[in-house]
Amino acid sequence: MKEQDKQDVEGLNQIFEIINAKGDIGEINEILKRPSSKKRESEKEI
């Protein structure tokens, strides 16, 4: 699987998890803190 495909799958999984959190702020914050949710170095703003 290509790197871009892996990132797309990770992003979709993250969206799915956020939807399933059903407004639980603590759970949503934990999902967003995971390393896979951070931007790649090349995507970070300058």
PDB file of N, CA and C in Angstrom:
ATOM      1  N   MET A   1       0.852  -1.180   0.000  1.00  0.00           N
ATOM      2  CA  MET A   1       0.000   0.000   0.000  1.00  0.00           C
ATOM      3  C   MET A   1       0.894   1.238   0.000  1.00  0.00           C
ATOM      4  N   LYS A   2       0.521   2.210  -0.811  1.00  0.00           N
ATOM      5  CA  LYS A   2       1.301   3.439  -0.895  1.00  0.00           C
ATOM      6  C   LYS A   2       1.154   4.252   0.385  1.00  0.00           C
ATOM      7  N   GLU A   3       2.150   5.086   0.646  1.00  0.00           N
ATOM      8  CA  GLU A   3       2.152   5.919   1.857  1.00  0.00           C
ATOM      9  C   GLU A   3       0.913   6.815   1.902  1.00  0.00           C
ATOM     10  N   GLN A   4       0.555   7.415   0.781  1.00  0.00           N
ATOM     11  CA  GLN A   4      -0.629   8.284   0.749  1.00  0.00           C
ATOM     12  C   GLN A   4      -1.890   7.488   1.083  1.00  0.00           C
ATOM     13  N   ASP A   5      -1.983   6.259   0.572  1.00  0.00           N
ATOM     14  CA  ASP A   5      -3.142   5.410   0.868  1.00  0.00           C
ATOM     15  C   ASP A   5      -3.220   5.097   2.358  1.00  0.00           C
ATOM     16  N   LYS A   6      -2.069   4.825   2.972  1.00  0.00           N
ATOM     17  CA  LYS A   6      -2.036   4.532   4.409  1.00  0.00           C
ATOM     18  C   LYS A   6      -2.527   5.740   5.206  1.00  0.00           C
ATOM     19  N   GLN A   7      -2.094   6.925   4.801  1.00  0.00           N
ATOM     20  CA  GLN A   7      -2.507   8.137   5.502  1.00  0.00           C
ATOM     21  C   GLN A   7      -4.006   8.382   5.322  1.00  0.00           C
ATOM     22  N   ASP A   8      -4.508   8.100   4.134  1.00  0.00           N
ATOM     23  CA  ASP A   8      -5.939   8.264   3.890  1.00  0.00           C
ATOM     24  C   ASP A   8      -6.747   7.321   4.779  1.00  0.00           C
ATOM     25  N   VAL A   9      -6.295   6.071   4.881  1.00  0.00           N
ATOM     26  CA  VAL A   9      -6.986   5.088   5.715  1.00  0.00           C
ATOM     27  C   VAL A   9      -6.948   5.520   7.181  1.00  0.00           C
ATOM     28  N   GLU A  10      -5.801   5.985   7.643  1.00  0.00           N
ATOM     29  CA  GLU A  10      -5.679   6.454   9.027  1.00  0.00           C
ATOM     30  C   GLU A  10      -6.624   7.624   9.283  1.00  0.00           C
ATOM     31  N   GLY A  11      -6.714   8.545   8.338  1.00  0.00           N
ATOM     32  CA  GLY A  11      -7.599   9.692   8.485  1.00  0.00           C
ATOM     33  C   GLY A  11      -9.060   9.280   8.541  1.00  0.00           C
ATOM     34  N   LEU A  12      -9.437   8.344   7.681  1.00  0.00           N
ATOM     35  CA  LEU A  12     -10.819   7.864   7.691  1.00  0.00           C
ATOM     36  C   LEU A  12     -11.138   7.128   8.990  1.00  0.00           C
ATOM     37  N   ASN A  13     -10.187   6.344   9.481  1.00  0.00           N
ATOM     38  CA  ASN A  13     -10.391   5.653  10.757  1.00  0.00           C
ATOM     39  C   ASN A  13     -10.561   6.655  11.889  1.00  0.00           C
ATOM     40  N   GLN A  14      -9.785   7.721  11.858  1.00  0.00           N
ATOM     41  CA  GLN A  14      -9.889   8.748  12.899  1.00  0.00           C
ATOM     42  C   GLN A  14     -11.260   9.423  12.852  1.00  0.00           C
ATOM     43  N   ILE A  15     -11.740   9.733  11.660  1.00  0.00           N
ATOM     44  CA  ILE A  15     -13.070  10.333  11.527  1.00  0.00           C
ATOM     45  C   ILE A  15     -14.133   9.396  12.082  1.00  0.00           C
ATOM     46  N   PHE A  16     -14.023   8.121  11.757  1.00  0.00           N
ATOM     47  CA  PHE A  16     -14.972   7.123  12.242  1.00  0.00           C
ATOM     48  C   PHE A  16     -14.965   7.064  13.774  1.00  0.00           C
ATOM     49  N   GLU A  17     -13.786   7.089  14.368  1.00  0.00           N
ATOM     50  CA  GLU A  17     -13.677   7.048  15.831  1.00  0.00           C
ATOM     51  C   GLU A  17     -14.279   8.296  16.462  1.00  0.00           C
ATOM     52  N   ILE A  18     -14.065   9.452  15.854  1.00  0.00           N
ATOM     53  CA  ILE A  18     -14.626  10.698  16.384  1.00  0.00           C
ATOM     54  C   ILE A  18     -16.151  10.651  16.321  1.00  0.00           C
ATOM     55  N   ILE A  19     -16.686  10.168  15.215  1.00  0.00           N
ATOM     56  CA  ILE A  19     -18.143  10.049  15.095  1.00  0.00           C
ATOM     57  C   ILE A  19     -18.681   9.119  16.174  1.00  0.00           C
ATOM     58  N   ASN A  20     -17.982   8.019  16.412  1.00  0.00           N
ATOM     59  CA  ASN A  20     -18.438   7.056  17.412  1.00  0.00           C
ATOM     60  C   ASN A  20     -18.257   7.549  18.845  1.00  0.00           C
ATOM     61  N   ALA A  21     -17.456   8.584  19.041  1.00  0.00           N
ATOM     62  CA  ALA A  21     -17.261   9.121  20.389  1.00  0.00           C
ATOM     63  C   ALA A  21     -18.538   9.789  20.901  1.00  0.00           C
ATOM     64  N   LYS A  22     -19.442  10.129  20.010  1.00  0.00           N
ATOM     65  CA  LYS A  22     -20.762  10.669  20.351  1.00  0.00           C
ATOM     66  C   LYS A  22     -20.696  11.848  21.321  1.00  0.00           C
ATOM     67  N   GLY A  23     -19.784  12.782  21.054  1.00  0.00           N
ATOM     68  CA  GLY A  23     -19.723  13.993  21.853  1.00  0.00           C
ATOM     69  C   GLY A  23     -18.961  13.872  23.159  1.00  0.00           C
ATOM     70  N   ASP A  24     -18.333  12.731  23.417  1.00  0.00           N
ATOM     71  CA  ASP A  24     -17.540  12.556  24.641  1.00  0.00           C
ATOM     72  C   ASP A  24     -16.234  13.323  24.451  1.00  0.00           C
ATOM     73  N   ILE A  25     -16.160  14.517  25.014  1.00  0.00           N
ATOM     74  CA  ILE A  25     -15.013  15.402  24.813  1.00  0.00           C
ATOM     75  C   ILE A  25     -13.707  14.729  25.215  1.00  0.00           C
ATOM     76  N   GLY A  26     -13.702  14.010  26.325  1.00  0.00           N
ATOM     77  CA  GLY A  26     -12.482  13.328  26.767  1.00  0.00           C
ATOM     78  C   GLY A  26     -11.995  12.317  25.746  1.00  0.00           C
ATOM     79  N   GLU A  27     -12.909  11.532  25.199  1.00  0.00           N
ATOM     80  CA  GLU A  27     -12.537  10.525  24.203  1.00  0.00           C
ATOM     81  C   GLU A  27     -12.068  11.188  22.909  1.00  0.00           C
ATOM     82  N   ILE A  28     -12.742  12.249  22.506  1.00  0.00           N
ATOM     83  CA  ILE A  28     -12.343  12.968  21.295  1.00  0.00           C
ATOM     84  C   ILE A  28     -10.941  13.543  21.461  1.00  0.00           C
ATOM     85  N   ASN A  29     -10.653  14.133  22.622  1.00  0.00           N
ATOM     86  CA  ASN A  29      -9.314  14.681  22.873  1.00  0.00           C
ATOM     87  C   ASN A  29      -8.254  13.592  22.818  1.00  0.00           C
ATOM     88  N   GLU A  30      -8.548  12.412  23.353  1.00  0.00           N
ATOM     89  CA  GLU A  30      -7.592  11.302  23.305  1.00  0.00           C
ATOM     90  C   GLU A  30      -7.329  10.875  21.862  1.00  0.00           C
ATOM     91  N   ILE A  31      -8.365  10.820  21.054  1.00  0.00           N
ATOM     92  CA  ILE A  31      -8.206  10.444  19.643  1.00  0.00           C
ATOM     93  C   ILE A  31      -7.312  11.456  18.940  1.00  0.00           C
ATOM     94  N   LEU A  32      -7.541  12.740  19.203  1.00  0.00           N
ATOM     95  CA  LEU A  32      -6.781  13.784  18.526  1.00  0.00           C
ATOM     96  C   LEU A  32      -5.333  13.875  19.005  1.00  0.00           C
ATOM     97  N   LYS A  33      -5.036  13.368  20.198  1.00  0.00           N
ATOM     98  CA  LYS A  33      -3.670  13.404  20.727  1.00  0.00           C
ATOM     99  C   LYS A  33      -2.792  12.297  20.152  1.00  0.00           C
ATOM    100  N   ARG A  34      -3.383  11.309  19.526  1.00  0.00           N
ATOM    101  CA  ARG A  34      -2.605  10.188  18.985  1.00  0.00           C
ATOM    102  C   ARG A  34      -1.640  10.682  17.915  1.00  0.00           C
ATOM    103  N   PRO A  35      -0.464  10.073  17.838  1.00  0.00           N
ATOM    104  CA  PRO A  35       0.538  10.489  16.851  1.00  0.00           C
ATOM    105  C   PRO A  35       0.032  10.454  15.413  1.00  0.00           C
ATOM    106  N   SER A  36      -0.843   9.523  15.077  1.00  0.00           N
ATOM    107  CA  SER A  36      -1.334   9.427  13.711  1.00  0.00           C
ATOM    108  C   SER A  36      -2.209  10.604  13.330  1.00  0.00           C
ATOM    109  N   SER A  37      -2.684  11.370  14.311  1.00  0.00           N
ATOM    110  CA  SER A  37      -3.531  12.514  14.009  1.00  0.00           C
ATOM    111  C   SER A  37      -2.733  13.776  13.730  1.00  0.00           C
ATOM    112  N   LYS A  38      -1.435  13.738  13.969  1.00  0.00           N
ATOM    113  CA  LYS A  38      -0.600  14.911  13.767  1.00  0.00           C
ATOM    114  C   LYS A  38      -0.219  15.021  12.294  1.00  0.00           C
ATOM    115  N   LYS A  39      -0.020  16.260  11.846  1.00  0.00           N
ATOM    116  CA  LYS A  39       0.370  16.480  10.462  1.00  0.00           C
ATOM    117  C   LYS A  39       1.774  15.941  10.226  1.00  0.00           C
ATOM    118  N   ARG A  40       2.009  15.510   8.997  1.00  0.00           N
ATOM    119  CA  ARG A  40       3.365  15.115   8.629  1.00  0.00           C
ATOM    120  C   ARG A  40       4.235  16.363   8.595  1.00  0.00           C
ATOM    121  N   GLU A  41       5.514  16.185   8.740  1.00  0.00           N
ATOM    122  CA  GLU A  41       6.448  17.318   8.741  1.00  0.00           C
ATOM    123  C   GLU A  41       6.271  18.172   7.503  1.00  0.00           C
ATOM    124  N   SER A  42       6.049  17.545   6.341  1.00  0.00           N
ATOM    125  CA  SER A  42       5.939  18.298   5.091  1.00  0.00           C
ATOM    126  C   SER A  42       4.638  19.092   5.023  1.00  0.00           C
ATOM    127  N   GLU A  43       3.651  18.776   5.862  1.00  0.00           N
ATOM    128  CA  GLU A  43       2.377  19.451   5.828  1.00  0.00           C
ATOM    129  C   GLU A  43       2.269  20.551   6.881  1.00  0.00           C
ATOM    130  N   LYS A  44       3.229  20.650   7.786  1.00  0.00           N
ATOM    131  CA  LYS A  44       3.163  21.646   8.849  1.00  0.00           C
ATOM    132  C   LYS A  44       3.310  23.040   8.266  1.00  0.00           C
ATOM    133  N   GLU A  45       2.569  23.968   8.884  1.00  0.00           N
ATOM    134  CA  GLU A  45       2.654  25.353   8.436  1.00  0.00           C
ATOM    135  C   GLU A  45       3.973  25.957   8.880  1.00  0.00           C
ATOM    136  N   ILE A  46       4.445  26.872   8.082  1.00  0.00           N
ATOM    137  CA  ILE A  46       5.710  27.543   8.377  1.00  0.00           C
ATOM    138  C   ILE A  46       5.467  28.701   9.307  1.00  0.00           C
TER     139      ILE A  46
END
